[in-house]
Amino acid sequence: MLRYGLILAAAVFIADQIAKFYVLNTLGFSPPGCLSGNYGCGFVEISGIFDLRMVWNRGFSFGLGRAENDLGRWALVVMQLGISGVFFWWLRTAPRRLTATALGLVIGGALGNVIDRIRFGAVADFFDFSGIGFFPWVFNVADAGITVGAILLAVDMIFLSETEPGKGSSWSQFKARLSGAGSKSDPPDPGGGG
């Protein structure tokens, strides 16, 4: 699972960096003034629900937890590298392909955004689905990897991981409690101990 997860992390990282290179260099979406003040940033209307819109994100992901100074910027770099390290350690013992997939997506996405934060002080975001109406965030390939990975990790932990060995996943235990299977009282302890 380790090799699979690392290959997936590398694929997300490379796809993210290629997309950012294309947007920043080929399309020239970030002219002088865009990074420092969001002035003159690139925009291409593609459809009623999807556009390319250059936004420099100084936050963690989807603009959350903004870091407006160098201390905040480097704190986010350290935090994202720390999360990547913890997830890499977890990936070494991933029991299932779904777990490895989730961890690989998050690791690749986190490292993709760390590179931007180190190079530019902010993360290049450009996918804009605000035309949908309920999704106001602009994001990039790395953010998509992090988000999909987090969702898959939650699914894995709820539906597949055993919280108590031999008793099934959290979800199956929850369903058993709902159906009343866990409502029977335990037989009394003959030793009277507790």
N, C-alpha and C. Protein backbone atom coordinates (compact mmCIF):
# COMPACT_ATOMS: atom_id res chain seq x y z
N MET A 1 0.81 -1.20 0.00
CA MET A 1 0.00 0.00 0.00
C MET A 1 0.86 1.27 0.00
N LEU A 2 2.05 1.17 0.61
CA LEU A 2 2.92 2.35 0.69
C LEU A 2 3.31 2.83 -0.71
N ARG A 3 3.75 1.91 -1.56
CA ARG A 3 4.15 2.30 -2.91
C ARG A 3 2.98 2.89 -3.68
N TYR A 4 1.82 2.24 -3.59
CA TYR A 4 0.62 2.74 -4.27
C TYR A 4 0.27 4.15 -3.81
N GLY A 5 0.26 4.35 -2.50
CA GLY A 5 -0.08 5.67 -1.95
C GLY A 5 0.91 6.74 -2.37
N LEU A 6 2.19 6.41 -2.39
CA LEU A 6 3.21 7.38 -2.79
C LEU A 6 3.13 7.70 -4.27
N ILE A 7 2.82 6.70 -5.11
CA ILE A 7 2.64 6.96 -6.54
C ILE A 7 1.45 7.90 -6.75
N LEU A 8 0.37 7.66 -6.02
CA LEU A 8 -0.80 8.53 -6.13
C LEU A 8 -0.48 9.95 -5.64
N ALA A 9 0.24 10.05 -4.54
CA ALA A 9 0.64 11.37 -4.02
C ALA A 9 1.49 12.10 -5.06
N ALA A 10 2.43 11.39 -5.69
CA ALA A 10 3.27 12.00 -6.71
C ALA A 10 2.44 12.45 -7.92
N ALA A 11 1.45 11.64 -8.30
CA ALA A 11 0.59 11.99 -9.44
C ALA A 11 -0.20 13.26 -9.16
N VAL A 12 -0.76 13.37 -7.95
CA VAL A 12 -1.52 14.58 -7.58
C VAL A 12 -0.58 15.78 -7.56
N PHE A 13 0.58 15.62 -6.96
CA PHE A 13 1.56 16.71 -6.87
C PHE A 13 1.96 17.19 -8.26
N ILE A 14 2.29 16.26 -9.16
CA ILE A 14 2.73 16.62 -10.51
C ILE A 14 1.60 17.27 -11.30
N ALA A 15 0.39 16.71 -11.22
CA ALA A 15 -0.76 17.30 -11.93
C ALA A 15 -1.02 18.72 -11.43
N ASP A 16 -0.91 18.92 -10.12
CA ASP A 16 -1.12 20.24 -9.54
C ASP A 16 -0.08 21.23 -10.05
N GLN A 17 1.18 20.83 -10.05
CA GLN A 17 2.24 21.73 -10.47
C GLN A 17 2.15 22.04 -11.97
N ILE A 18 1.77 21.06 -12.77
CA ILE A 18 1.60 21.31 -14.21
C ILE A 18 0.46 22.29 -14.46
N ALA A 19 -0.67 22.10 -13.76
CA ALA A 19 -1.81 23.01 -13.93
C ALA A 19 -1.42 24.43 -13.50
N LYS A 20 -0.71 24.55 -12.40
CA LYS A 20 -0.29 25.89 -11.93
C LYS A 20 0.70 26.52 -12.88
N PHE A 21 1.63 25.73 -13.40
CA PHE A 21 2.59 26.26 -14.37
C PHE A 21 1.86 26.79 -15.60
N TYR A 22 0.89 26.02 -16.08
CA TYR A 22 0.14 26.43 -17.27
C TYR A 22 -0.62 27.74 -17.02
N VAL A 23 -1.32 27.81 -15.88
CA VAL A 23 -2.11 29.00 -15.57
C VAL A 23 -1.21 30.22 -15.35
N LEU A 24 -0.12 30.05 -14.62
CA LEU A 24 0.73 31.20 -14.28
C LEU A 24 1.64 31.61 -15.43
N ASN A 25 2.16 30.65 -16.18
CA ASN A 25 3.16 30.99 -17.21
C ASN A 25 2.58 31.05 -18.62
N THR A 26 1.83 30.03 -19.02
CA THR A 26 1.30 30.01 -20.38
C THR A 26 0.15 31.01 -20.54
N LEU A 27 -0.80 30.96 -19.60
CA LEU A 27 -1.94 31.88 -19.68
C LEU A 27 -1.61 33.26 -19.10
N GLY A 28 -0.58 33.34 -18.28
CA GLY A 28 -0.19 34.63 -17.69
C GLY A 28 -1.27 35.21 -16.80
N PHE A 29 -1.88 34.37 -15.97
CA PHE A 29 -3.02 34.79 -15.14
C PHE A 29 -2.63 35.66 -13.96
N SER A 30 -1.34 35.77 -13.65
CA SER A 30 -0.95 36.56 -12.49
C SER A 30 0.06 37.63 -12.89
N PRO A 31 -0.43 38.71 -13.52
CA PRO A 31 0.47 39.81 -13.88
C PRO A 31 0.91 40.56 -12.61
N PRO A 32 1.89 41.46 -12.73
CA PRO A 32 2.29 42.26 -11.56
C PRO A 32 1.08 42.94 -10.92
N GLY A 33 0.99 42.85 -9.63
CA GLY A 33 -0.14 43.44 -8.91
C GLY A 33 -1.17 42.41 -8.49
N CYS A 34 -1.20 41.28 -9.16
CA CYS A 34 -2.19 40.26 -8.82
C CYS A 34 -1.84 39.60 -7.49
N LEU A 35 -0.58 39.17 -7.34
CA LEU A 35 -0.17 38.49 -6.11
C LEU A 35 -0.22 39.43 -4.91
N SER A 36 0.25 40.66 -5.09
CA SER A 36 0.33 41.57 -3.95
C SER A 36 -1.02 42.19 -3.58
N GLY A 37 -1.86 42.44 -4.57
CA GLY A 37 -3.12 43.11 -4.24
C GLY A 37 -4.34 42.59 -4.96
N ASN A 38 -4.24 41.42 -5.59
CA ASN A 38 -5.34 40.85 -6.37
C ASN A 38 -5.86 41.85 -7.41
N TYR A 39 -4.93 42.58 -8.03
CA TYR A 39 -5.29 43.56 -9.05
C TYR A 39 -4.89 43.03 -10.42
N GLY A 40 -5.83 43.00 -11.35
CA GLY A 40 -5.55 42.59 -12.72
C GLY A 40 -5.38 41.10 -12.91
N CYS A 41 -5.88 40.32 -11.96
CA CYS A 41 -5.74 38.87 -12.05
C CYS A 41 -6.55 38.33 -13.23
N GLY A 42 -6.06 37.23 -13.80
CA GLY A 42 -6.68 36.65 -14.98
C GLY A 42 -8.04 36.06 -14.72
N PHE A 43 -8.88 36.10 -15.76
CA PHE A 43 -10.22 35.52 -15.71
C PHE A 43 -10.62 35.10 -17.12
N VAL A 44 -11.10 33.87 -17.25
CA VAL A 44 -11.63 33.38 -18.53
C VAL A 44 -12.97 32.74 -18.24
N GLU A 45 -14.02 33.28 -18.88
CA GLU A 45 -15.35 32.67 -18.72
C GLU A 45 -15.45 31.49 -19.68
N ILE A 46 -15.71 30.31 -19.11
CA ILE A 46 -15.77 29.10 -19.92
C ILE A 46 -17.21 28.64 -20.11
N SER A 47 -17.99 28.64 -19.03
CA SER A 47 -19.39 28.23 -19.13
C SER A 47 -20.18 28.91 -18.01
N GLY A 48 -21.45 28.61 -17.95
CA GLY A 48 -22.29 29.21 -16.92
C GLY A 48 -21.98 28.72 -15.52
N ILE A 49 -21.31 27.57 -15.42
CA ILE A 49 -21.02 27.05 -14.09
C ILE A 49 -19.52 26.96 -13.78
N PHE A 50 -18.66 27.05 -14.80
CA PHE A 50 -17.23 26.91 -14.57
C PHE A 50 -16.44 27.98 -15.31
N ASP A 51 -15.52 28.62 -14.58
CA ASP A 51 -14.62 29.62 -15.15
C ASP A 51 -13.22 29.39 -14.61
N LEU A 52 -12.25 30.02 -15.25
CA LEU A 52 -10.90 30.11 -14.69
C LEU A 52 -10.75 31.51 -14.12
N ARG A 53 -10.48 31.60 -12.82
CA ARG A 53 -10.36 32.88 -12.14
C ARG A 53 -9.14 32.82 -11.21
N MET A 54 -8.17 33.67 -11.46
CA MET A 54 -6.95 33.64 -10.65
C MET A 54 -7.20 34.29 -9.29
N VAL A 55 -6.89 33.53 -8.24
CA VAL A 55 -7.00 34.02 -6.87
C VAL A 55 -5.78 33.52 -6.12
N TRP A 56 -5.12 34.41 -5.38
CA TRP A 56 -4.01 33.99 -4.53
C TRP A 56 -4.56 33.75 -3.13
N ASN A 57 -4.47 32.52 -2.69
CA ASN A 57 -5.03 32.10 -1.40
C ASN A 57 -3.94 32.11 -0.34
N ARG A 58 -4.12 32.94 0.67
CA ARG A 58 -3.15 33.00 1.76
C ARG A 58 -3.58 32.14 2.95
N GLY A 59 -4.68 31.38 2.76
CA GLY A 59 -5.18 30.52 3.83
C GLY A 59 -4.76 29.08 3.64
N PHE A 60 -5.33 28.21 4.46
CA PHE A 60 -4.97 26.80 4.47
C PHE A 60 -5.51 26.09 3.24
N SER A 61 -6.82 26.07 3.10
CA SER A 61 -7.46 25.45 1.95
C SER A 61 -8.80 26.15 1.76
N PHE A 62 -9.15 26.44 0.53
CA PHE A 62 -10.37 27.19 0.21
C PHE A 62 -10.41 28.52 0.96
N GLY A 63 -9.26 29.12 1.25
CA GLY A 63 -9.19 30.43 1.89
C GLY A 63 -9.42 30.42 3.38
N LEU A 64 -9.54 29.26 4.00
CA LEU A 64 -9.77 29.20 5.44
C LEU A 64 -8.45 29.41 6.19
N GLY A 65 -8.51 30.09 7.34
CA GLY A 65 -7.33 30.30 8.17
C GLY A 65 -6.27 31.15 7.49
N ARG A 66 -6.64 32.34 7.06
CA ARG A 66 -5.74 33.20 6.29
C ARG A 66 -4.49 33.59 7.10
N ALA A 67 -3.36 33.59 6.41
CA ALA A 67 -2.09 34.02 7.00
C ALA A 67 -1.65 35.28 6.27
N GLU A 68 -1.76 36.41 6.92
CA GLU A 68 -1.48 37.68 6.26
C GLU A 68 -0.04 38.15 6.44
N ASN A 69 0.77 37.44 7.24
CA ASN A 69 2.16 37.85 7.43
C ASN A 69 3.07 36.64 7.29
N ASP A 70 4.38 36.90 7.34
CA ASP A 70 5.34 35.81 7.14
C ASP A 70 5.28 34.76 8.24
N LEU A 71 4.99 35.17 9.46
CA LEU A 71 4.88 34.21 10.55
C LEU A 71 3.74 33.22 10.28
N GLY A 72 2.58 33.74 9.87
CA GLY A 72 1.45 32.88 9.53
C GLY A 72 1.73 32.00 8.34
N ARG A 73 2.41 32.57 7.35
CA ARG A 73 2.77 31.81 6.14
C ARG A 73 3.63 30.62 6.50
N TRP A 74 4.69 30.83 7.28
CA TRP A 74 5.60 29.74 7.62
C TRP A 74 4.96 28.78 8.61
N ALA A 75 4.05 29.28 9.43
CA ALA A 75 3.32 28.38 10.33
C ALA A 75 2.47 27.41 9.52
N LEU A 76 1.83 27.91 8.45
CA LEU A 76 1.05 27.04 7.57
C LEU A 76 1.95 26.04 6.83
N VAL A 77 3.14 26.47 6.43
CA VAL A 77 4.08 25.56 5.78
C VAL A 77 4.44 24.42 6.73
N VAL A 78 4.79 24.79 7.96
CA VAL A 78 5.18 23.77 8.96
C VAL A 78 4.00 22.84 9.24
N MET A 79 2.79 23.42 9.37
CA MET A 79 1.62 22.61 9.67
C MET A 79 1.32 21.63 8.54
N GLN A 80 1.38 22.10 7.29
CA GLN A 80 1.10 21.22 6.16
C GLN A 80 2.17 20.15 6.01
N LEU A 81 3.42 20.50 6.26
CA LEU A 81 4.47 19.49 6.22
C LEU A 81 4.29 18.47 7.34
N GLY A 82 3.86 18.95 8.52
CA GLY A 82 3.60 18.05 9.64
C GLY A 82 2.46 17.09 9.34
N ILE A 83 1.38 17.61 8.75
CA ILE A 83 0.24 16.75 8.38
C ILE A 83 0.69 15.72 7.35
N SER A 84 1.48 16.16 6.37
CA SER A 84 1.99 15.23 5.36
C SER A 84 2.84 14.14 6.01
N GLY A 85 3.66 14.53 6.98
CA GLY A 85 4.50 13.55 7.67
C GLY A 85 3.69 12.53 8.45
N VAL A 86 2.66 13.00 9.16
CA VAL A 86 1.79 12.10 9.92
C VAL A 86 1.07 11.15 8.97
N PHE A 87 0.56 11.69 7.86
CA PHE A 87 -0.16 10.85 6.91
C PHE A 87 0.77 9.86 6.21
N PHE A 88 2.03 10.29 5.96
CA PHE A 88 3.01 9.35 5.39
C PHE A 88 3.25 8.21 6.38
N TRP A 89 3.42 8.53 7.66
CA TRP A 89 3.63 7.50 8.68
C TRP A 89 2.45 6.54 8.71
N TRP A 90 1.25 7.08 8.62
CA TRP A 90 0.03 6.27 8.60
C TRP A 90 0.00 5.40 7.35
N LEU A 91 0.40 5.97 6.20
CA LEU A 91 0.38 5.25 4.93
C LEU A 91 1.25 4.00 4.99
N ARG A 92 2.32 4.05 5.77
CA ARG A 92 3.22 2.90 5.88
C ARG A 92 2.49 1.65 6.37
N THR A 93 1.41 1.83 7.13
CA THR A 93 0.67 0.68 7.68
C THR A 93 -0.78 0.65 7.20
N ALA A 94 -1.07 1.33 6.10
CA ALA A 94 -2.45 1.37 5.59
C ALA A 94 -2.96 -0.04 5.32
N PRO A 95 -4.13 -0.39 5.91
CA PRO A 95 -4.63 -1.75 5.76
C PRO A 95 -5.37 -2.03 4.45
N ARG A 96 -5.88 -0.98 3.81
CA ARG A 96 -6.72 -1.15 2.63
C ARG A 96 -6.32 -0.17 1.54
N ARG A 97 -6.70 -0.50 0.30
CA ARG A 97 -6.43 0.40 -0.82
C ARG A 97 -7.16 1.73 -0.65
N LEU A 98 -8.36 1.72 -0.10
CA LEU A 98 -9.09 2.97 0.11
C LEU A 98 -8.34 3.88 1.07
N THR A 99 -7.80 3.32 2.13
CA THR A 99 -7.02 4.10 3.08
C THR A 99 -5.80 4.70 2.39
N ALA A 100 -5.09 3.88 1.62
CA ALA A 100 -3.89 4.36 0.91
C ALA A 100 -4.25 5.42 -0.12
N THR A 101 -5.39 5.25 -0.79
CA THR A 101 -5.84 6.25 -1.77
C THR A 101 -6.09 7.58 -1.09
N ALA A 102 -6.83 7.55 0.01
CA ALA A 102 -7.16 8.78 0.74
C ALA A 102 -5.90 9.48 1.22
N LEU A 103 -5.00 8.73 1.82
CA LEU A 103 -3.77 9.32 2.35
C LEU A 103 -2.88 9.85 1.23
N GLY A 104 -2.78 9.12 0.13
CA GLY A 104 -1.98 9.59 -1.01
C GLY A 104 -2.51 10.89 -1.58
N LEU A 105 -3.83 11.00 -1.71
CA LEU A 105 -4.44 12.24 -2.23
C LEU A 105 -4.14 13.42 -1.33
N VAL A 106 -4.27 13.23 -0.03
CA VAL A 106 -4.03 14.33 0.92
C VAL A 106 -2.55 14.72 0.93
N ILE A 107 -1.67 13.73 0.94
CA ILE A 107 -0.23 14.03 0.96
C ILE A 107 0.18 14.80 -0.30
N GLY A 108 -0.24 14.32 -1.47
CA GLY A 108 0.11 15.00 -2.71
C GLY A 108 -0.44 16.41 -2.78
N GLY A 109 -1.70 16.58 -2.34
CA GLY A 109 -2.30 17.91 -2.34
C GLY A 109 -1.62 18.86 -1.38
N ALA A 110 -1.34 18.39 -0.18
CA ALA A 110 -0.69 19.24 0.82
C ALA A 110 0.68 19.69 0.34
N LEU A 111 1.45 18.77 -0.23
CA LEU A 111 2.79 19.14 -0.71
C LEU A 111 2.72 20.09 -1.91
N GLY A 112 1.71 19.92 -2.77
CA GLY A 112 1.53 20.84 -3.89
C GLY A 112 1.29 22.26 -3.42
N ASN A 113 0.48 22.43 -2.39
CA ASN A 113 0.21 23.76 -1.87
C ASN A 113 1.38 24.32 -1.06
N VAL A 114 2.15 23.45 -0.41
CA VAL A 114 3.32 23.90 0.34
C VAL A 114 4.34 24.55 -0.61
N ILE A 115 4.53 23.95 -1.78
CA ILE A 115 5.48 24.50 -2.75
C ILE A 115 5.09 25.93 -3.11
N ASP A 116 3.81 26.17 -3.38
CA ASP A 116 3.33 27.53 -3.70
C ASP A 116 3.60 28.48 -2.55
N ARG A 117 3.28 28.04 -1.36
CA ARG A 117 3.42 28.91 -0.19
C ARG A 117 4.89 29.28 0.04
N ILE A 118 5.79 28.33 -0.20
CA ILE A 118 7.22 28.62 -0.07
C ILE A 118 7.69 29.57 -1.18
N ARG A 119 7.27 29.30 -2.42
CA ARG A 119 7.73 30.10 -3.56
C ARG A 119 7.12 31.50 -3.61
N PHE A 120 5.80 31.57 -3.37
CA PHE A 120 5.10 32.83 -3.61
C PHE A 120 4.56 33.49 -2.34
N GLY A 121 4.43 32.75 -1.27
CA GLY A 121 3.81 33.28 -0.06
C GLY A 121 2.31 33.07 -0.03
N ALA A 122 1.77 32.50 -1.10
CA ALA A 122 0.33 32.22 -1.21
C ALA A 122 0.15 31.08 -2.20
N VAL A 123 -1.03 30.52 -2.24
CA VAL A 123 -1.33 29.38 -3.11
C VAL A 123 -2.14 29.86 -4.32
N ALA A 124 -1.74 29.40 -5.50
CA ALA A 124 -2.43 29.76 -6.74
C ALA A 124 -3.69 28.91 -6.89
N ASP A 125 -4.85 29.57 -6.87
CA ASP A 125 -6.14 28.91 -7.08
C ASP A 125 -6.76 29.49 -8.35
N PHE A 126 -7.49 28.64 -9.10
CA PHE A 126 -8.03 29.14 -10.38
C PHE A 126 -9.28 28.43 -10.87
N PHE A 127 -9.65 27.29 -10.31
CA PHE A 127 -10.90 26.63 -10.73
C PHE A 127 -12.07 27.28 -10.00
N ASP A 128 -13.00 27.84 -10.76
CA ASP A 128 -14.11 28.58 -10.17
C ASP A 128 -15.44 27.96 -10.61
N PHE A 129 -16.11 27.31 -9.68
CA PHE A 129 -17.43 26.73 -9.94
C PHE A 129 -18.53 27.53 -9.26
N SER A 130 -18.30 28.83 -9.04
CA SER A 130 -19.30 29.64 -8.33
C SER A 130 -20.60 29.78 -9.11
N GLY A 131 -20.58 29.48 -10.41
CA GLY A 131 -21.80 29.53 -11.19
C GLY A 131 -22.83 28.51 -10.75
N ILE A 132 -22.38 27.48 -10.02
CA ILE A 132 -23.32 26.49 -9.48
C ILE A 132 -24.25 27.15 -8.48
N GLY A 133 -23.73 28.14 -7.75
CA GLY A 133 -24.57 28.88 -6.81
C GLY A 133 -24.31 28.57 -5.35
N PHE A 134 -23.94 27.34 -5.02
CA PHE A 134 -23.72 26.99 -3.62
C PHE A 134 -22.26 26.70 -3.32
N PHE A 135 -21.37 26.91 -4.28
CA PHE A 135 -19.95 26.61 -4.09
C PHE A 135 -19.14 27.86 -4.44
N PRO A 136 -18.92 28.75 -3.47
CA PRO A 136 -18.29 30.03 -3.77
C PRO A 136 -16.76 30.01 -3.83
N TRP A 137 -16.13 28.87 -3.56
CA TRP A 137 -14.67 28.83 -3.44
C TRP A 137 -13.99 28.63 -4.79
N VAL A 138 -12.81 29.23 -4.91
CA VAL A 138 -11.92 28.99 -6.03
C VAL A 138 -10.83 28.07 -5.51
N PHE A 139 -10.46 27.05 -6.28
CA PHE A 139 -9.53 26.04 -5.77
C PHE A 139 -8.58 25.58 -6.86
N ASN A 140 -7.71 24.62 -6.53
CA ASN A 140 -6.76 24.08 -7.48
C ASN A 140 -6.76 22.55 -7.41
N VAL A 141 -5.88 21.91 -8.17
CA VAL A 141 -5.81 20.45 -8.18
C VAL A 141 -5.46 19.92 -6.79
N ALA A 142 -4.52 20.58 -6.11
CA ALA A 142 -4.11 20.14 -4.78
C ALA A 142 -5.28 20.18 -3.80
N ASP A 143 -6.07 21.27 -3.82
CA ASP A 143 -7.23 21.36 -2.94
C ASP A 143 -8.23 20.24 -3.23
N ALA A 144 -8.41 19.94 -4.51
CA ALA A 144 -9.32 18.85 -4.88
C ALA A 144 -8.81 17.53 -4.32
N GLY A 145 -7.50 17.28 -4.42
CA GLY A 145 -6.92 16.06 -3.87
C GLY A 145 -7.11 15.97 -2.36
N ILE A 146 -6.88 17.08 -1.66
CA ILE A 146 -7.05 17.11 -0.21
C ILE A 146 -8.50 16.83 0.17
N THR A 147 -9.43 17.48 -0.52
CA THR A 147 -10.85 17.34 -0.20
C THR A 147 -11.35 15.92 -0.48
N VAL A 148 -11.04 15.39 -1.67
CA VAL A 148 -11.48 14.03 -2.00
C VAL A 148 -10.82 13.03 -1.05
N GLY A 149 -9.54 13.23 -0.74
CA GLY A 149 -8.85 12.35 0.19
C GLY A 149 -9.48 12.37 1.58
N ALA A 150 -9.84 13.56 2.06
CA ALA A 150 -10.47 13.67 3.38
C ALA A 150 -11.82 12.96 3.40
N ILE A 151 -12.59 13.11 2.33
CA ILE A 151 -13.90 12.44 2.25
C ILE A 151 -13.71 10.92 2.23
N LEU A 152 -12.78 10.44 1.43
CA LEU A 152 -12.52 8.99 1.36
C LEU A 152 -12.02 8.46 2.70
N LEU A 153 -11.21 9.26 3.39
CA LEU A 153 -10.71 8.83 4.70
C LEU A 153 -11.86 8.72 5.70
N ALA A 154 -12.79 9.67 5.65
CA ALA A 154 -13.96 9.61 6.54
C ALA A 154 -14.80 8.37 6.23
N VAL A 155 -15.02 8.11 4.94
CA VAL A 155 -15.79 6.92 4.53
C VAL A 155 -15.09 5.65 5.02
N ASP A 156 -13.77 5.61 4.85
CA ASP A 156 -12.99 4.45 5.28
C ASP A 156 -13.11 4.24 6.79
N MET A 157 -12.98 5.32 7.54
CA MET A 157 -13.02 5.20 9.01
C MET A 157 -14.41 4.84 9.52
N ILE A 158 -15.45 5.36 8.89
CA ILE A 158 -16.82 5.11 9.37
C ILE A 158 -17.33 3.75 8.91
N PHE A 159 -17.10 3.41 7.65
CA PHE A 159 -17.73 2.22 7.09
C PHE A 159 -16.84 0.97 7.04
N LEU A 160 -15.53 1.12 7.11
CA LEU A 160 -14.67 -0.04 6.94
C LEU A 160 -13.78 -0.36 8.14
N SER A 161 -13.38 0.63 8.91
CA SER A 161 -12.48 0.39 10.03
C SER A 161 -13.23 -0.17 11.22
N GLU A 162 -12.63 -1.12 11.89
CA GLU A 162 -13.21 -1.68 13.10
C GLU A 162 -12.76 -0.85 14.30
N THR A 163 -13.73 -0.32 15.04
CA THR A 163 -13.36 0.43 16.23
C THR A 163 -13.03 -0.51 17.37
N GLU A 164 -13.70 -1.66 17.39
CA GLU A 164 -13.39 -2.72 18.34
C GLU A 164 -13.18 -3.99 17.54
N PRO A 165 -11.98 -4.57 17.61
CA PRO A 165 -11.70 -5.77 16.80
C PRO A 165 -12.75 -6.86 17.01
N GLY A 166 -13.21 -7.40 15.89
CA GLY A 166 -14.19 -8.48 15.94
C GLY A 166 -15.63 -8.03 16.04
N LYS A 167 -15.86 -6.72 16.17
CA LYS A 167 -17.23 -6.23 16.32
C LYS A 167 -17.71 -5.42 15.12
N GLY A 168 -16.91 -5.36 14.06
CA GLY A 168 -17.34 -4.68 12.85
C GLY A 168 -16.97 -3.20 12.84
N SER A 169 -17.34 -2.54 11.74
CA SER A 169 -17.03 -1.13 11.57
C SER A 169 -17.90 -0.27 12.47
N SER A 170 -17.53 1.00 12.57
CA SER A 170 -18.33 1.95 13.36
C SER A 170 -19.77 1.97 12.86
N TRP A 171 -19.93 1.95 11.54
CA TRP A 171 -21.27 2.01 10.95
C TRP A 171 -22.08 0.76 11.30
N SER A 172 -21.47 -0.42 11.20
CA SER A 172 -22.22 -1.64 11.51
C SER A 172 -22.57 -1.70 13.00
N GLN A 173 -21.69 -1.19 13.86
CA GLN A 173 -21.99 -1.15 15.28
C GLN A 173 -23.14 -0.18 15.56
N PHE A 174 -23.12 0.95 14.86
CA PHE A 174 -24.19 1.94 15.02
C PHE A 174 -25.53 1.36 14.57
N LYS A 175 -25.53 0.67 13.42
CA LYS A 175 -26.78 0.05 12.94
C LYS A 175 -27.27 -1.01 13.91
N ALA A 176 -26.36 -1.76 14.48
CA ALA A 176 -26.75 -2.80 15.45
C ALA A 176 -27.40 -2.17 16.68
N ARG A 177 -26.87 -1.05 17.12
CA ARG A 177 -27.46 -0.36 18.28
C ARG A 177 -28.85 0.16 17.94
N LEU A 178 -29.00 0.68 16.71
CA LEU A 178 -30.31 1.19 16.30
C LEU A 178 -31.36 0.09 16.22
N SER A 179 -30.93 -1.09 15.77
CA SER A 179 -31.88 -2.19 15.62
C SER A 179 -32.19 -2.89 16.94
N GLY A 180 -31.53 -2.47 18.00
CA GLY A 180 -31.82 -3.04 19.31
C GLY A 180 -30.96 -4.23 19.67
N ALA A 181 -30.02 -4.59 18.78
CA ALA A 181 -29.18 -5.75 19.08
C ALA A 181 -28.29 -5.51 20.29
N GLY A 182 -27.98 -4.26 20.54
CA GLY A 182 -27.11 -3.99 21.68
C GLY A 182 -27.88 -3.62 22.93
N SER A 183 -29.21 -3.79 22.94
CA SER A 183 -30.00 -3.36 24.09
C SER A 183 -30.13 -4.43 25.17
N LYS A 184 -29.73 -5.65 24.86
CA LYS A 184 -29.83 -6.71 25.86
C LYS A 184 -28.81 -6.47 26.96
N SER A 185 -29.22 -6.70 28.17
CA SER A 185 -28.30 -6.47 29.28
C SER A 185 -27.35 -7.65 29.39
N ASP A 186 -26.15 -7.36 29.87
CA ASP A 186 -25.15 -8.42 30.06
C ASP A 186 -25.54 -9.28 31.23
N PRO A 187 -25.20 -10.58 31.20
CA PRO A 187 -25.50 -11.44 32.33
C PRO A 187 -24.72 -10.99 33.54
N PRO A 188 -25.25 -11.23 34.75
CA PRO A 188 -24.54 -10.78 35.95
C PRO A 188 -23.20 -11.47 36.09
N ASP A 189 -22.27 -10.76 36.67
CA ASP A 189 -20.93 -11.27 36.89
C ASP A 189 -20.96 -12.20 38.11
N PRO A 190 -20.66 -13.51 37.91
CA PRO A 190 -20.76 -14.43 39.03
C PRO A 190 -19.77 -14.12 40.14
N GLY A 191 -18.69 -13.44 39.83
CA GLY A 191 -17.71 -13.14 40.86
C GLY A 191 -18.08 -11.91 41.65
N GLY A 192 -19.07 -11.17 41.18
CA GLY A 192 -19.50 -9.96 41.86
C GLY A 192 -18.55 -8.80 41.71
N GLY A 193 -17.52 -8.99 40.89
CA GLY A 193 -16.55 -7.91 40.70
C GLY A 193 -17.03 -6.91 39.67
N GLY A 194 -16.36 -5.81 39.59
CA GLY A 194 -16.79 -4.84 38.60
C GLY A 194 -15.68 -4.18 38.02
